[in-house]
Amino acid sequence: NPTSKDIRVFQKKKEEKDKALLSEHHRIRVSQAISLMNEMLSETAASPASDHRTLSSARSPQAYRSRNVASSTG
């Protein structure tokens, strides 16, 4: 049977692992957000002033999220 010390050590390791995983997911989401902003900015900068296309006609955040969610889960 595991001792209370073993349980504490296991819990501490689990907390550290969970914290690292959360940090990694946060890093990925920040990277995706920056990529999306850059993509949207380059799309609007590339369109001429006479083009009245709005930002909403660009790829929606939902479409971007659904496209990339599979690659970020693991």
PDB file of N, CA and C in Angstrom:
ATOM      1  N   ASN A   1       0.835  -1.204   0.000  1.00  0.00           N
ATOM      2  CA  ASN A   1       0.000   0.000   0.000  1.00  0.00           C
ATOM      3  C   ASN A   1       0.870   1.254   0.000  1.00  0.00           C
ATOM      4  N   PRO A   2       0.446   2.263  -0.781  1.00  0.00           N
ATOM      5  CA  PRO A   2       1.236   3.499  -0.794  1.00  0.00           C
ATOM      6  C   PRO A   2       1.088   4.254   0.524  1.00  0.00           C
ATOM      7  N   THR A   3       2.175   4.833   0.946  1.00  0.00           N
ATOM      8  CA  THR A   3       2.144   5.623   2.184  1.00  0.00           C
ATOM      9  C   THR A   3       1.611   7.018   1.875  1.00  0.00           C
ATOM     10  N   SER A   4       1.314   7.768   2.913  1.00  0.00           N
ATOM     11  CA  SER A   4       0.823   9.137   2.707  1.00  0.00           C
ATOM     12  C   SER A   4       1.891   9.986   2.020  1.00  0.00           C
ATOM     13  N   LYS A   5       3.163   9.680   2.292  1.00  0.00           N
ATOM     14  CA  LYS A   5       4.249  10.411   1.628  1.00  0.00           C
ATOM     15  C   LYS A   5       4.250  10.099   0.132  1.00  0.00           C
ATOM     16  N   ASP A   6       4.061   8.812  -0.211  1.00  0.00           N
ATOM     17  CA  ASP A   6       3.993   8.422  -1.620  1.00  0.00           C
ATOM     18  C   ASP A   6       2.855   9.157  -2.330  1.00  0.00           C
ATOM     19  N   ILE A   7       1.726   9.233  -1.657  1.00  0.00           N
ATOM     20  CA  ILE A   7       0.560   9.903  -2.233  1.00  0.00           C
ATOM     21  C   ILE A   7       0.843  11.381  -2.447  1.00  0.00           C
ATOM     22  N   ARG A   8       1.473  12.033  -1.468  1.00  0.00           N
ATOM     23  CA  ARG A   8       1.824  13.453  -1.607  1.00  0.00           C
ATOM     24  C   ARG A   8       2.787  13.668  -2.770  1.00  0.00           C
ATOM     25  N   VAL A   9       3.786  12.791  -2.888  1.00  0.00           N
ATOM     26  CA  VAL A   9       4.760  12.911  -3.982  1.00  0.00           C
ATOM     27  C   VAL A   9       4.049  12.737  -5.324  1.00  0.00           C
ATOM     28  N   PHE A  10       3.169  11.735  -5.397  1.00  0.00           N
ATOM     29  CA  PHE A  10       2.422  11.486  -6.627  1.00  0.00           C
ATOM     30  C   PHE A  10       1.553  12.696  -6.987  1.00  0.00           C
ATOM     31  N   GLN A  11       0.864  13.258  -5.993  1.00  0.00           N
ATOM     32  CA  GLN A  11       0.010  14.423  -6.236  1.00  0.00           C
ATOM     33  C   GLN A  11       0.827  15.625  -6.702  1.00  0.00           C
ATOM     34  N   LYS A  12       1.998  15.803  -6.094  1.00  0.00           N
ATOM     35  CA  LYS A  12       2.856  16.923  -6.482  1.00  0.00           C
ATOM     36  C   LYS A  12       3.328  16.760  -7.926  1.00  0.00           C
ATOM     37  N   LYS A  13       3.734  15.530  -8.293  1.00  0.00           N
ATOM     38  CA  LYS A  13       4.157  15.267  -9.673  1.00  0.00           C
ATOM     39  C   LYS A  13       3.006  15.504 -10.643  1.00  0.00           C
ATOM     40  N   LYS A  14       1.817  15.062 -10.258  1.00  0.00           N
ATOM     41  CA  LYS A  14       0.640  15.247 -11.113  1.00  0.00           C
ATOM     42  C   LYS A  14       0.331  16.728 -11.290  1.00  0.00           C
ATOM     43  N   GLU A  15       0.399  17.498 -10.207  1.00  0.00           N
ATOM     44  CA  GLU A  15       0.152  18.941 -10.292  1.00  0.00           C
ATOM     45  C   GLU A  15       1.158  19.614 -11.222  1.00  0.00           C
ATOM     46  N   GLU A  16       2.426  19.223 -11.115  1.00  0.00           N
ATOM     47  CA  GLU A  16       3.462  19.809 -11.972  1.00  0.00           C
ATOM     48  C   GLU A  16       3.213  19.450 -13.435  1.00  0.00           C
ATOM     49  N   LYS A  17       2.833  18.192 -13.675  1.00  0.00           N
ATOM     50  CA  LYS A  17       2.551  17.745 -15.040  1.00  0.00           C
ATOM     51  C   LYS A  17       1.349  18.497 -15.612  1.00  0.00           C
ATOM     52  N   ASP A  18       0.286  18.633 -14.803  1.00  0.00           N
ATOM     53  CA  ASP A  18      -0.910  19.350 -15.245  1.00  0.00           C
ATOM     54  C   ASP A  18      -0.592  20.813 -15.549  1.00  0.00           C
ATOM     55  N   LYS A  19       0.227  21.415 -14.697  1.00  0.00           N
ATOM     56  CA  LYS A  19       0.600  22.819 -14.890  1.00  0.00           C
ATOM     57  C   LYS A  19       1.402  22.983 -16.185  1.00  0.00           C
ATOM     58  N   ALA A  20       2.322  22.060 -16.448  1.00  0.00           N
ATOM     59  CA  ALA A  20       3.123  22.112 -17.669  1.00  0.00           C
ATOM     60  C   ALA A  20       2.237  21.934 -18.902  1.00  0.00           C
ATOM     61  N   LEU A  21       1.280  21.023 -18.814  1.00  0.00           N
ATOM     62  CA  LEU A  21       0.370  20.774 -19.929  1.00  0.00           C
ATOM     63  C   LEU A  21      -0.493  22.007 -20.201  1.00  0.00           C
ATOM     64  N   LEU A  22      -0.995  22.622 -19.150  1.00  0.00           N
ATOM     65  CA  LEU A  22      -1.803  23.830 -19.284  1.00  0.00           C
ATOM     66  C   LEU A  22      -0.982  24.953 -19.914  1.00  0.00           C
ATOM     67  N   SER A  23       0.254  25.079 -19.485  1.00  0.00           N
ATOM     68  CA  SER A  23       1.145  26.099 -20.025  1.00  0.00           C
ATOM     69  C   SER A  23       1.394  25.868 -21.517  1.00  0.00           C
ATOM     70  N   GLU A  24       1.608  24.610 -21.898  1.00  0.00           N
ATOM     71  CA  GLU A  24       1.840  24.265 -23.303  1.00  0.00           C
ATOM     72  C   GLU A  24       0.597  24.571 -24.140  1.00  0.00           C
ATOM     73  N   HIS A  25      -0.578  24.221 -23.640  1.00  0.00           N
ATOM     74  CA  HIS A  25      -1.814  24.520 -24.369  1.00  0.00           C
ATOM     75  C   HIS A  25      -1.994  26.025 -24.523  1.00  0.00           C
ATOM     76  N   HIS A  26      -1.670  26.774 -23.484  1.00  0.00           N
ATOM     77  CA  HIS A  26      -1.771  28.231 -23.538  1.00  0.00           C
ATOM     78  C   HIS A  26      -0.820  28.786 -24.602  1.00  0.00           C
ATOM     79  N   ARG A  27       0.399  28.259 -24.631  1.00  0.00           N
ATOM     80  CA  ARG A  27       1.381  28.700 -25.623  1.00  0.00           C
ATOM     81  C   ARG A  27       0.868  28.435 -27.041  1.00  0.00           C
ATOM     82  N   ILE A  28       0.278  27.265 -27.251  1.00  0.00           N
ATOM     83  CA  ILE A  28      -0.260  26.910 -28.566  1.00  0.00           C
ATOM     84  C   ILE A  28      -1.394  27.858 -28.958  1.00  0.00           C
ATOM     85  N   ARG A  29      -2.300  28.136 -28.021  1.00  0.00           N
ATOM     86  CA  ARG A  29      -3.437  29.015 -28.310  1.00  0.00           C
ATOM     87  C   ARG A  29      -2.962  30.437 -28.630  1.00  0.00           C
ATOM     88  N   VAL A  30      -1.963  30.919 -27.900  1.00  0.00           N
ATOM     89  CA  VAL A  30      -1.418  32.251 -28.175  1.00  0.00           C
ATOM     90  C   VAL A  30      -0.817  32.277 -29.577  1.00  0.00           C
ATOM     91  N   SER A  31      -0.073  31.238 -29.921  1.00  0.00           N
ATOM     92  CA  SER A  31       0.538  31.147 -31.241  1.00  0.00           C
ATOM     93  C   SER A  31      -0.529  31.135 -32.338  1.00  0.00           C
ATOM     94  N   GLN A  32      -1.601  30.374 -32.117  1.00  0.00           N
ATOM     95  CA  GLN A  32      -2.687  30.327 -33.100  1.00  0.00           C
ATOM     96  C   GLN A  32      -3.371  31.682 -33.230  1.00  0.00           C
ATOM     97  N   ALA A  33      -3.565  32.363 -32.112  1.00  0.00           N
ATOM     98  CA  ALA A  33      -4.214  33.676 -32.142  1.00  0.00           C
ATOM     99  C   ALA A  33      -3.367  34.682 -32.916  1.00  0.00           C
ATOM    100  N   ILE A  34      -2.067  34.662 -32.695  1.00  0.00           N
ATOM    101  CA  ILE A  34      -1.165  35.572 -33.407  1.00  0.00           C
ATOM    102  C   ILE A  34      -1.174  35.264 -34.900  1.00  0.00           C
ATOM    103  N   SER A  35      -1.145  33.975 -35.247  1.00  0.00           N
ATOM    104  CA  SER A  35      -1.193  33.587 -36.658  1.00  0.00           C
ATOM    105  C   SER A  35      -2.478  34.070 -37.311  1.00  0.00           C
ATOM    106  N   LEU A  36      -3.591  33.906 -36.609  1.00  0.00           N
ATOM    107  CA  LEU A  36      -4.882  34.337 -37.148  1.00  0.00           C
ATOM    108  C   LEU A  36      -4.911  35.849 -37.342  1.00  0.00           C
ATOM    109  N   MET A  37      -4.421  36.594 -36.366  1.00  0.00           N
ATOM    110  CA  MET A  37      -4.398  38.054 -36.497  1.00  0.00           C
ATOM    111  C   MET A  37      -3.529  38.477 -37.679  1.00  0.00           C
ATOM    112  N   ASN A  38      -2.357  37.863 -37.811  1.00  0.00           N
ATOM    113  CA  ASN A  38      -1.476  38.197 -38.929  1.00  0.00           C
ATOM    114  C   ASN A  38      -2.127  37.870 -40.263  1.00  0.00           C
ATOM    115  N   GLU A  39      -2.813  36.723 -40.329  1.00  0.00           N
ATOM    116  CA  GLU A  39      -3.491  36.322 -41.557  1.00  0.00           C
ATOM    117  C   GLU A  39      -4.593  37.318 -41.911  1.00  0.00           C
ATOM    118  N   MET A  40      -5.369  37.716 -40.913  1.00  0.00           N
ATOM    119  CA  MET A  40      -6.454  38.666 -41.162  1.00  0.00           C
ATOM    120  C   MET A  40      -5.903  40.036 -41.557  1.00  0.00           C
ATOM    121  N   LEU A  41      -4.816  40.447 -40.918  1.00  0.00           N
ATOM    122  CA  LEU A  41      -4.208  41.734 -41.260  1.00  0.00           C
ATOM    123  C   LEU A  41      -3.647  41.716 -42.677  1.00  0.00           C
ATOM    124  N   SER A  42      -2.994  40.624 -43.062  1.00  0.00           N
ATOM    125  CA  SER A  42      -2.421  40.557 -44.404  1.00  0.00           C
ATOM    126  C   SER A  42      -3.519  40.488 -45.461  1.00  0.00           C
ATOM    127  N   GLU A  43      -4.647  39.844 -45.139  1.00  0.00           N
ATOM    128  CA  GLU A  43      -5.768  39.789 -46.088  1.00  0.00           C
ATOM    129  C   GLU A  43      -6.363  41.175 -46.298  1.00  0.00           C
ATOM    130  N   THR A  44      -6.521  41.951 -45.226  1.00  0.00           N
ATOM    131  CA  THR A  44      -7.117  43.281 -45.362  1.00  0.00           C
ATOM    132  C   THR A  44      -6.131  44.243 -46.012  1.00  0.00           C
ATOM    133  N   ALA A  45      -4.844  44.092 -45.747  1.00  0.00           N
ATOM    134  CA  ALA A  45      -3.838  44.968 -46.349  1.00  0.00           C
ATOM    135  C   ALA A  45      -3.701  44.672 -47.837  1.00  0.00           C
ATOM    136  N   ALA A  46      -3.887  43.418 -48.238  1.00  0.00           N
ATOM    137  CA  ALA A  46      -3.726  43.026 -49.631  1.00  0.00           C
ATOM    138  C   ALA A  46      -4.905  43.477 -50.485  1.00  0.00           C
ATOM    139  N   SER A  47      -6.078  43.657 -49.873  1.00  0.00           N
ATOM    140  CA  SER A  47      -7.245  44.062 -50.661  1.00  0.00           C
ATOM    141  C   SER A  47      -7.188  45.561 -50.933  1.00  0.00           C
ATOM    142  N   PRO A  48      -7.483  45.969 -52.172  1.00  0.00           N
ATOM    143  CA  PRO A  48      -7.430  47.404 -52.511  1.00  0.00           C
ATOM    144  C   PRO A  48      -8.519  48.188 -51.792  1.00  0.00           C
ATOM    145  N   ALA A  49      -8.334  49.522 -51.727  1.00  0.00           N
ATOM    146  CA  ALA A  49      -9.275  50.381 -51.009  1.00  0.00           C
ATOM    147  C   ALA A  49     -10.659  50.355 -51.655  1.00  0.00           C
ATOM    148  N   SER A  50     -10.718  50.143 -52.983  1.00  0.00           N
ATOM    149  CA  SER A  50     -12.013  50.110 -53.671  1.00  0.00           C
ATOM    150  C   SER A  50     -12.782  48.825 -53.366  1.00  0.00           C
ATOM    151  N   ASP A  51     -12.098  47.833 -52.847  1.00  0.00           N
ATOM    152  CA  ASP A  51     -12.746  46.577 -52.466  1.00  0.00           C
ATOM    153  C   ASP A  51     -13.417  46.791 -51.113  1.00  0.00           C
ATOM    154  N   HIS A  52     -14.730  46.683 -51.073  1.00  0.00           N
ATOM    155  CA  HIS A  52     -15.467  46.948 -49.841  1.00  0.00           C
ATOM    156  C   HIS A  52     -15.677  45.693 -49.013  1.00  0.00           C
ATOM    157  N   ARG A  53     -14.862  44.698 -49.251  1.00  0.00           N
ATOM    158  CA  ARG A  53     -14.975  43.462 -48.473  1.00  0.00           C
ATOM    159  C   ARG A  53     -14.704  43.786 -47.004  1.00  0.00           C
ATOM    160  N   THR A  54     -15.533  43.270 -46.123  1.00  0.00           N
ATOM    161  CA  THR A  54     -15.351  43.538 -44.699  1.00  0.00           C
ATOM    162  C   THR A  54     -14.529  42.428 -44.066  1.00  0.00           C
ATOM    163  N   LEU A  55     -14.069  42.715 -42.860  1.00  0.00           N
ATOM    164  CA  LEU A  55     -13.288  41.734 -42.114  1.00  0.00           C
ATOM    165  C   LEU A  55     -14.105  40.482 -41.835  1.00  0.00           C
ATOM    166  N   SER A  56     -15.430  40.646 -41.692  1.00  0.00           N
ATOM    167  CA  SER A  56     -16.275  39.498 -41.368  1.00  0.00           C
ATOM    168  C   SER A  56     -16.346  38.499 -42.517  1.00  0.00           C
ATOM    169  N   SER A  57     -16.020  38.927 -43.736  1.00  0.00           N
ATOM    170  CA  SER A  57     -16.052  37.986 -44.853  1.00  0.00           C
ATOM    171  C   SER A  57     -14.791  37.131 -44.902  1.00  0.00           C
ATOM    172  N   ALA A  58     -13.775  37.538 -44.146  1.00  0.00           N
ATOM    173  CA  ALA A  58     -12.579  36.705 -44.031  1.00  0.00           C
ATOM    174  C   ALA A  58     -12.933  35.467 -43.213  1.00  0.00           C
ATOM    175  N   ARG A  59     -12.038  34.516 -43.167  1.00  0.00           N
ATOM    176  CA  ARG A  59     -12.318  33.288 -42.422  1.00  0.00           C
ATOM    177  C   ARG A  59     -12.669  33.615 -40.972  1.00  0.00           C
ATOM    178  N   SER A  60     -13.756  33.083 -40.498  1.00  0.00           N
ATOM    179  CA  SER A  60     -14.209  33.361 -39.136  1.00  0.00           C
ATOM    180  C   SER A  60     -13.321  32.653 -38.124  1.00  0.00           C
ATOM    181  N   PRO A  61     -13.229  33.192 -36.909  1.00  0.00           N
ATOM    182  CA  PRO A  61     -12.450  32.506 -35.859  1.00  0.00           C
ATOM    183  C   PRO A  61     -12.957  31.093 -35.601  1.00  0.00           C
ATOM    184  N   GLN A  62     -14.280  30.881 -35.744  1.00  0.00           N
ATOM    185  CA  GLN A  62     -14.833  29.544 -35.527  1.00  0.00           C
ATOM    186  C   GLN A  62     -14.289  28.567 -36.563  1.00  0.00           C
ATOM    187  N   ALA A  63     -14.246  28.982 -37.836  1.00  0.00           N
ATOM    188  CA  ALA A  63     -13.730  28.103 -38.886  1.00  0.00           C
ATOM    189  C   ALA A  63     -12.248  27.826 -38.647  1.00  0.00           C
ATOM    190  N   TYR A  64     -11.510  28.866 -38.250  1.00  0.00           N
ATOM    191  CA  TYR A  64     -10.091  28.690 -37.971  1.00  0.00           C
ATOM    192  C   TYR A  64      -9.894  27.725 -36.812  1.00  0.00           C
ATOM    193  N   ARG A  65     -10.726  27.894 -35.775  1.00  0.00           N
ATOM    194  CA  ARG A  65     -10.616  27.051 -34.589  1.00  0.00           C
ATOM    195  C   ARG A  65     -10.912  25.595 -34.943  1.00  0.00           C
ATOM    196  N   SER A  66     -11.987  25.349 -35.702  1.00  0.00           N
ATOM    197  CA  SER A  66     -12.347  23.970 -36.024  1.00  0.00           C
ATOM    198  C   SER A  66     -11.301  23.338 -36.936  1.00  0.00           C
ATOM    199  N   ARG A  67     -10.657  24.151 -37.772  1.00  0.00           N
ATOM    200  CA  ARG A  67      -9.624  23.631 -38.654  1.00  0.00           C
ATOM    201  C   ARG A  67      -8.373  23.221 -37.869  1.00  0.00           C
ATOM    202  N   ASN A  68      -8.076  23.959 -36.815  1.00  0.00           N
ATOM    203  CA  ASN A  68      -6.826  23.730 -36.094  1.00  0.00           C
ATOM    204  C   ASN A  68      -6.967  22.974 -34.786  1.00  0.00           C
ATOM    205  N   VAL A  69      -8.185  22.738 -34.343  1.00  0.00           N
ATOM    206  CA  VAL A  69      -8.358  22.104 -33.030  1.00  0.00           C
ATOM    207  C   VAL A  69      -7.836  20.670 -33.039  1.00  0.00           C
ATOM    208  N   ALA A  70      -7.959  19.981 -34.172  1.00  0.00           N
ATOM    209  CA  ALA A  70      -7.489  18.595 -34.244  1.00  0.00           C
ATOM    210  C   ALA A  70      -5.969  18.520 -34.102  1.00  0.00           C
ATOM    211  N   SER A  71      -5.274  19.507 -34.667  1.00  0.00           N
ATOM    212  CA  SER A  71      -3.813  19.472 -34.603  1.00  0.00           C
ATOM    213  C   SER A  71      -3.282  19.868 -33.231  1.00  0.00           C
ATOM    214  N   SER A  72      -4.089  20.592 -32.451  1.00  0.00           N
ATOM    215  CA  SER A  72      -3.591  21.040 -31.148  1.00  0.00           C
ATOM    216  C   SER A  72      -3.923  20.072 -30.022  1.00  0.00           C
ATOM    217  N   THR A  73      -4.821  19.123 -30.293  1.00  0.00           N
ATOM    218  CA  THR A  73      -5.143  18.144 -29.254  1.00  0.00           C
ATOM    219  C   THR A  73      -4.245  16.942 -29.419  1.00  0.00           C
ATOM    220  N   GLY A  74      -3.896  16.304 -28.318  1.00  0.00           N
ATOM    221  CA  GLY A  74      -2.993  15.184 -28.483  1.00  0.00           C
ATOM    222  C   GLY A  74      -2.776  14.383 -27.318  1.00  0.00           C
TER     223      GLY A  74
END
